[in-house]
Amino acid sequence: MRVSILIPTYRDIRALELILDALKLQTYQDFEVIVAEDDNSEELKDFIQGYKSKYTIAHVSHENQGNRKAIIMNKALKESRGEYIIFIDGDTIPYSTFIESHVALAKKRVVLCGRRVNLGDSVSALLRDGEIGAEELEKHYLKYYRLIKDDNSRHYEQGLYFKANGIVQRVLRKLNKNVHIVASNFSCFREDIFAVNGFDEDLPNAPHRDDTDLEWRMVSLGCRLVSVKYCANMFHLNHSRNDRKEEEEENMKIILKKQEQKEFVAKNGIIKS
């Protein structure tokens, strides 16, 4: 099964390089990568053209007119050719078994929902500076567990890996009642996200609540949410965050209105109505 990996990015080439390097090591190799740049920088174009990889990389971009993630992600969806789509963020580095785990649990009308280890500043810097590799952290996670935990990391327990559909992962999946789409780690069949017309470009404050919006629309379509915690693992590089509470609240008002109107197929999505 051909898989498309969609990676939104904005002016962080080093993080993208770490992701692309990690994708070289994937145990599942039938995939393409679509880099969705919410900008149009010559630097990124040059980087992708010069990047040596054994998999296909496509690059979509548009002029920088503020945060327009939904628009560039819909453009990436149109560019993609995979039967199955996996979404990650431009600062999340996947384990070598990441794609394999998503594919192992893939089903039509199912959205697979994963999480990430939110690394602290020190370990994030070690990765960015090349002093330690993501592969090393993955393969010897217990060795680095204390270092990661003591670095003010969050969700560090989610770096523990268990084979997808193995006994332990099945038990953990059954026990997990808090399953939601998080934009940095989810997947579904192409036909299912196209059925809701992709990301809703009517939300003015992208990317806030875009995963919340996509979740209710896909569930309304008839999709089930299934956890891929502890198998589709990834590391998140730490960075500063701005308080966007007002923007999130504005988006939620729009989402709630669309819910009342049962508008689960986006009117302003991949296809414009």
Protein backbone atom coordinates (compact mmCIF):
# COMPACT_ATOMS: atom_id res chain seq x y z
CA MET A 1 0.00 0.00 0.00
CA ARG A 2 1.40 3.36 -1.07
CA VAL A 3 1.57 5.91 1.77
CA SER A 4 1.85 9.70 1.60
CA ILE A 5 3.54 11.49 4.50
CA LEU A 6 2.41 15.13 4.75
CA ILE A 7 4.74 17.50 6.62
CA PRO A 8 3.76 21.15 7.15
CA THR A 9 6.79 23.39 7.69
CA TYR A 10 7.69 27.03 8.21
CA ARG A 11 11.31 28.27 8.33
CA ASP A 12 12.84 25.37 10.26
CA ILE A 13 15.01 23.51 7.78
CA ARG A 14 17.08 21.79 10.46
CA ALA A 15 14.01 20.16 12.00
CA LEU A 16 12.84 19.09 8.54
CA GLU A 17 16.25 17.59 7.83
CA LEU A 18 16.04 15.51 11.02
CA ILE A 19 12.60 14.26 9.96
CA LEU A 20 13.71 13.38 6.42
CA ASP A 21 16.77 11.58 7.81
CA ALA A 22 14.52 9.56 10.14
CA LEU A 23 12.29 8.62 7.21
CA LYS A 24 15.31 7.08 5.46
CA LEU A 25 15.40 4.51 8.27
CA GLN A 26 11.75 3.44 8.09
CA THR A 27 11.07 -0.28 8.22
CA TYR A 28 8.19 0.33 5.78
CA GLN A 29 9.48 1.85 2.55
CA ASP A 30 6.53 2.23 0.16
CA PHE A 31 5.91 5.93 0.75
CA GLU A 32 6.28 9.42 -0.62
CA VAL A 33 6.81 12.69 1.26
CA ILE A 34 4.95 15.94 0.60
CA VAL A 35 6.58 18.96 2.25
CA ALA A 36 3.87 21.60 2.70
CA GLU A 37 5.60 24.96 3.17
CA ASP A 38 3.47 27.80 4.52
CA ASP A 39 5.91 30.15 2.81
CA ASN A 40 7.85 30.27 -0.45
CA SER A 41 11.52 30.40 0.48
CA GLU A 42 14.38 29.82 -1.93
CA GLU A 43 16.37 28.33 0.93
CA LEU A 44 13.92 25.46 1.39
CA LYS A 45 13.65 24.89 -2.37
CA ASP A 46 17.44 24.61 -2.59
CA PHE A 47 17.57 22.30 0.42
CA ILE A 48 14.98 19.87 -0.98
CA GLN A 49 16.58 19.86 -4.44
CA GLY A 50 19.94 19.03 -2.88
CA TYR A 51 18.67 16.50 -0.37
CA LYS A 52 19.67 12.93 -1.21
CA SER A 53 17.05 10.33 -0.45
CA LYS A 54 15.78 6.99 -1.71
CA TYR A 55 12.15 8.07 -1.50
CA THR A 56 10.13 10.62 -3.47
CA ILE A 57 9.89 14.15 -2.04
CA ALA A 58 7.46 16.70 -3.42
CA HIS A 59 7.33 20.32 -2.30
CA VAL A 60 4.28 22.58 -2.34
CA SER A 61 4.37 26.21 -1.24
CA HIS A 62 2.63 29.55 -1.50
CA GLU A 63 3.37 33.18 -0.69
CA ASN A 64 3.76 34.05 2.98
CA GLN A 65 0.57 35.88 3.93
CA GLY A 66 0.32 34.84 7.57
CA ASN A 67 -0.53 31.45 8.97
CA ARG A 68 -2.43 29.62 6.23
CA LYS A 69 -1.80 26.02 7.22
CA ALA A 70 -5.23 24.72 6.11
CA ILE A 71 -4.69 26.08 2.60
CA ILE A 72 -1.23 24.58 2.12
CA MET A 73 -2.32 21.25 3.63
CA ASN A 74 -5.20 21.01 1.17
CA LYS A 75 -2.75 21.79 -1.61
CA ALA A 76 -0.51 18.97 -0.30
CA LEU A 77 -3.47 16.58 -0.21
CA LYS A 78 -4.20 17.32 -3.87
CA GLU A 79 -0.54 16.69 -4.69
CA SER A 80 -0.40 13.38 -2.78
CA ARG A 81 -0.73 10.06 -4.58
CA GLY A 82 -0.83 7.61 -1.70
CA GLU A 83 -3.82 5.42 -0.91
CA TYR A 84 -3.11 6.11 2.75
CA ILE A 85 -2.18 9.46 4.33
CA ILE A 86 -0.09 10.06 7.47
CA PHE A 87 0.09 13.55 8.94
CA ILE A 88 2.98 14.75 11.09
CA ASP A 89 4.32 18.18 12.09
CA GLY A 90 7.48 19.91 10.94
CA ASP A 91 9.10 19.50 14.36
CA THR A 92 8.28 15.84 15.09
CA ILE A 93 10.81 13.08 14.38
CA PRO A 94 9.33 9.61 13.79
CA TYR A 95 10.66 6.32 15.10
CA SER A 96 11.92 3.87 12.47
CA THR A 97 8.75 1.80 13.00
CA PHE A 98 6.41 4.78 12.67
CA ILE A 99 4.98 4.14 9.19
CA GLU A 100 4.94 0.38 9.73
CA SER A 101 2.80 0.85 12.85
CA HIS A 102 0.27 3.10 11.12
CA VAL A 103 -0.02 0.72 8.17
CA ALA A 104 -0.42 -2.34 10.43
CA LEU A 105 -3.53 -0.83 12.05
CA ALA A 106 -4.94 0.98 9.01
CA LYS A 107 -8.60 0.37 8.20
CA LYS A 108 -11.14 2.26 6.15
CA ARG A 109 -13.39 4.54 8.18
CA VAL A 110 -10.78 4.54 10.97
CA VAL A 111 -8.59 7.47 11.98
CA LEU A 112 -5.44 6.38 13.81
CA CYS A 113 -4.51 8.80 16.58
CA GLY A 114 -0.99 8.94 17.99
CA ARG A 115 0.95 11.13 20.38
CA ARG A 116 4.57 12.16 20.86
CA VAL A 117 7.31 12.54 23.43
CA ASN A 118 7.53 16.28 24.08
CA LEU A 119 11.26 16.73 24.61
CA GLY A 120 12.72 19.44 26.81
CA ASP A 121 15.17 22.14 25.74
CA SER A 122 18.41 20.26 26.43
CA VAL A 123 17.60 17.03 24.59
CA SER A 124 16.04 19.01 21.73
CA ALA A 125 19.30 20.96 21.42
CA LEU A 126 21.34 17.74 21.41
CA LEU A 127 19.30 16.49 18.47
CA ARG A 128 19.46 19.77 16.57
CA ASP A 129 23.23 20.02 17.11
CA GLY A 130 23.80 16.43 16.00
CA GLU A 131 25.36 15.45 19.32
CA ILE A 132 22.87 12.60 19.59
CA GLY A 133 20.74 10.99 16.91
CA ALA A 134 17.02 10.25 17.01
CA GLU A 135 17.85 6.64 16.08
CA GLU A 136 20.09 6.40 19.16
CA LEU A 137 17.34 7.77 21.41
CA GLU A 138 14.84 5.33 19.95
CA LYS A 139 17.01 2.21 20.09
CA HIS A 140 18.26 2.90 23.62
CA TYR A 141 15.27 4.71 25.05
CA LEU A 142 15.55 3.17 28.52
CA LYS A 143 19.19 4.24 28.68
CA TYR A 144 18.19 7.87 28.03
CA TYR A 145 14.91 7.70 29.94
CA ARG A 146 16.22 9.56 33.01
CA LEU A 147 17.90 12.23 30.86
CA ILE A 148 14.66 12.82 28.96
CA LYS A 149 12.49 12.80 32.07
CA ASP A 150 14.75 15.20 33.98
CA ASP A 151 14.76 17.66 31.05
CA ASN A 152 11.20 18.81 31.78
CA SER A 153 9.96 16.59 28.97
CA ARG A 154 6.27 15.70 28.83
CA HIS A 155 4.64 12.40 27.89
CA TYR A 156 8.05 10.73 28.11
CA GLU A 157 6.40 7.37 28.86
CA GLN A 158 5.08 7.41 25.29
CA GLY A 159 8.57 6.76 23.98
CA LEU A 160 8.22 3.14 25.09
CA TYR A 161 7.65 1.01 22.01
CA PHE A 162 5.47 -2.08 21.66
CA LYS A 163 4.78 -3.74 18.32
CA ALA A 164 1.53 -2.68 16.66
CA ASN A 165 -1.19 -5.26 17.25
CA GLY A 166 1.06 -7.15 19.66
CA ILE A 167 -0.41 -8.31 22.97
CA VAL A 168 0.90 -5.38 25.02
CA GLN A 169 -0.13 -2.74 22.50
CA ARG A 170 -3.61 -4.28 22.13
CA VAL A 171 -4.10 -4.17 25.90
CA LEU A 172 -2.89 -0.56 26.12
CA ARG A 173 -5.14 0.38 23.19
CA LYS A 174 -8.14 -1.16 24.91
CA LEU A 175 -7.39 0.65 28.17
CA ASN A 176 -6.96 4.03 26.47
CA LYS A 177 -10.29 5.86 26.57
CA ASN A 178 -8.87 9.30 25.75
CA VAL A 179 -8.44 9.07 21.99
CA HIS A 180 -8.43 12.24 19.89
CA ILE A 181 -6.84 13.52 16.70
CA VAL A 182 -3.64 15.46 17.33
CA ALA A 183 -2.36 17.17 14.19
CA SER A 184 1.23 16.00 14.68
CA ASN A 185 0.43 12.28 14.50
CA PHE A 186 -2.65 10.85 12.81
CA SER A 187 -3.53 8.91 9.70
CA CYS A 188 -6.44 7.70 7.58
CA PHE A 189 -7.30 6.41 4.14
CA ARG A 190 -7.20 9.03 1.43
CA GLU A 191 -10.86 8.47 0.54
CA ASP A 192 -11.98 9.26 4.10
CA ILE A 193 -10.32 12.67 4.41
CA PHE A 194 -11.38 13.56 0.88
CA ALA A 195 -14.96 12.63 1.86
CA VAL A 196 -14.99 15.54 4.35
CA ASN A 197 -13.17 17.74 1.81
CA GLY A 198 -9.94 18.02 3.79
CA PHE A 199 -9.08 20.95 6.05
CA ASP A 200 -11.59 23.76 6.53
CA GLU A 201 -10.12 27.01 5.21
CA ASP A 202 -12.94 29.00 6.80
CA LEU A 203 -11.17 28.82 10.18
CA PRO A 204 -9.28 32.15 10.25
CA ASN A 205 -6.74 31.34 12.95
CA ALA A 206 -4.94 28.30 11.58
CA PRO A 207 -3.73 25.98 12.93
CA HIS A 208 -5.68 26.43 16.14
CA ARG A 209 -8.33 23.76 16.66
CA ASP A 210 -7.86 22.39 13.14
CA ASP A 211 -7.49 18.89 14.59
CA THR A 212 -10.60 19.39 16.75
CA ASP A 213 -12.52 20.48 13.67
CA LEU A 214 -11.28 17.58 11.55
CA GLU A 215 -12.10 15.10 14.31
CA TRP A 216 -15.78 15.98 14.65
CA ARG A 217 -16.24 16.05 10.88
CA MET A 218 -14.63 12.65 10.32
CA VAL A 219 -16.55 11.11 13.21
CA SER A 220 -19.74 12.57 11.71
CA LEU A 221 -18.79 10.82 8.48
CA GLY A 222 -18.76 7.53 10.39
CA CYS A 223 -15.06 7.14 11.18
CA ARG A 224 -13.84 5.58 14.42
CA LEU A 225 -10.86 6.94 16.36
CA VAL A 226 -8.27 4.29 17.28
CA SER A 227 -5.13 4.84 19.34
CA VAL A 228 -1.63 4.12 18.04
CA LYS A 229 0.11 5.17 21.24
CA TYR A 230 3.23 3.20 22.14
CA CYS A 231 3.73 1.92 18.59
CA ALA A 232 3.61 4.93 16.20
CA ASN A 233 6.08 6.88 18.34
CA MET A 234 7.85 10.16 17.66
CA PHE A 235 9.95 12.87 19.31
CA HIS A 236 8.78 16.49 19.40
CA LEU A 237 11.46 19.18 19.40
CA ASN A 238 10.73 21.82 22.01
CA HIS A 239 10.14 25.44 20.99
CA SER A 240 8.61 28.61 22.41
CA ARG A 241 4.84 28.98 22.23
CA ASN A 242 2.68 32.07 22.10
CA ASP A 243 -0.57 32.39 23.99
CA ARG A 244 -3.28 32.10 21.33
CA LYS A 245 -6.29 31.57 23.59
CA GLU A 246 -8.39 34.27 21.91
CA GLU A 247 -7.68 32.85 18.45
CA GLU A 248 -8.60 29.34 19.60
CA GLU A 249 -11.85 30.62 21.08
CA GLU A 250 -12.71 32.42 17.83
CA ASN A 251 -12.14 29.25 15.83
CA MET A 252 -14.22 27.22 18.28
CA LYS A 253 -17.18 29.56 17.80
CA ILE A 254 -17.06 28.88 14.08
CA ILE A 255 -16.69 25.13 14.63
CA LEU A 256 -19.66 25.01 17.02
CA LYS A 257 -21.82 26.88 14.50
CA LYS A 258 -20.86 24.42 11.77
CA GLN A 259 -21.65 21.54 14.13
CA GLU A 260 -25.13 22.96 14.74
CA GLN A 261 -25.62 23.12 10.97
CA LYS A 262 -24.17 19.59 10.55
CA GLU A 263 -21.67 20.96 8.04
CA PHE A 264 -19.15 18.14 8.30
CA VAL A 265 -18.12 18.40 4.64
CA ALA A 266 -16.02 21.58 4.39
CA LYS A 267 -17.45 24.04 1.89
CA ASN A 268 -14.08 25.75 1.65
CA GLY A 269 -11.76 22.76 1.56
CA ILE A 270 -9.89 20.81 -1.11
CA ILE A 271 -12.74 21.52 -3.50
CA LYS A 272 -14.42 24.93 -3.28
CA SER A 273 -18.22 24.85 -3.33
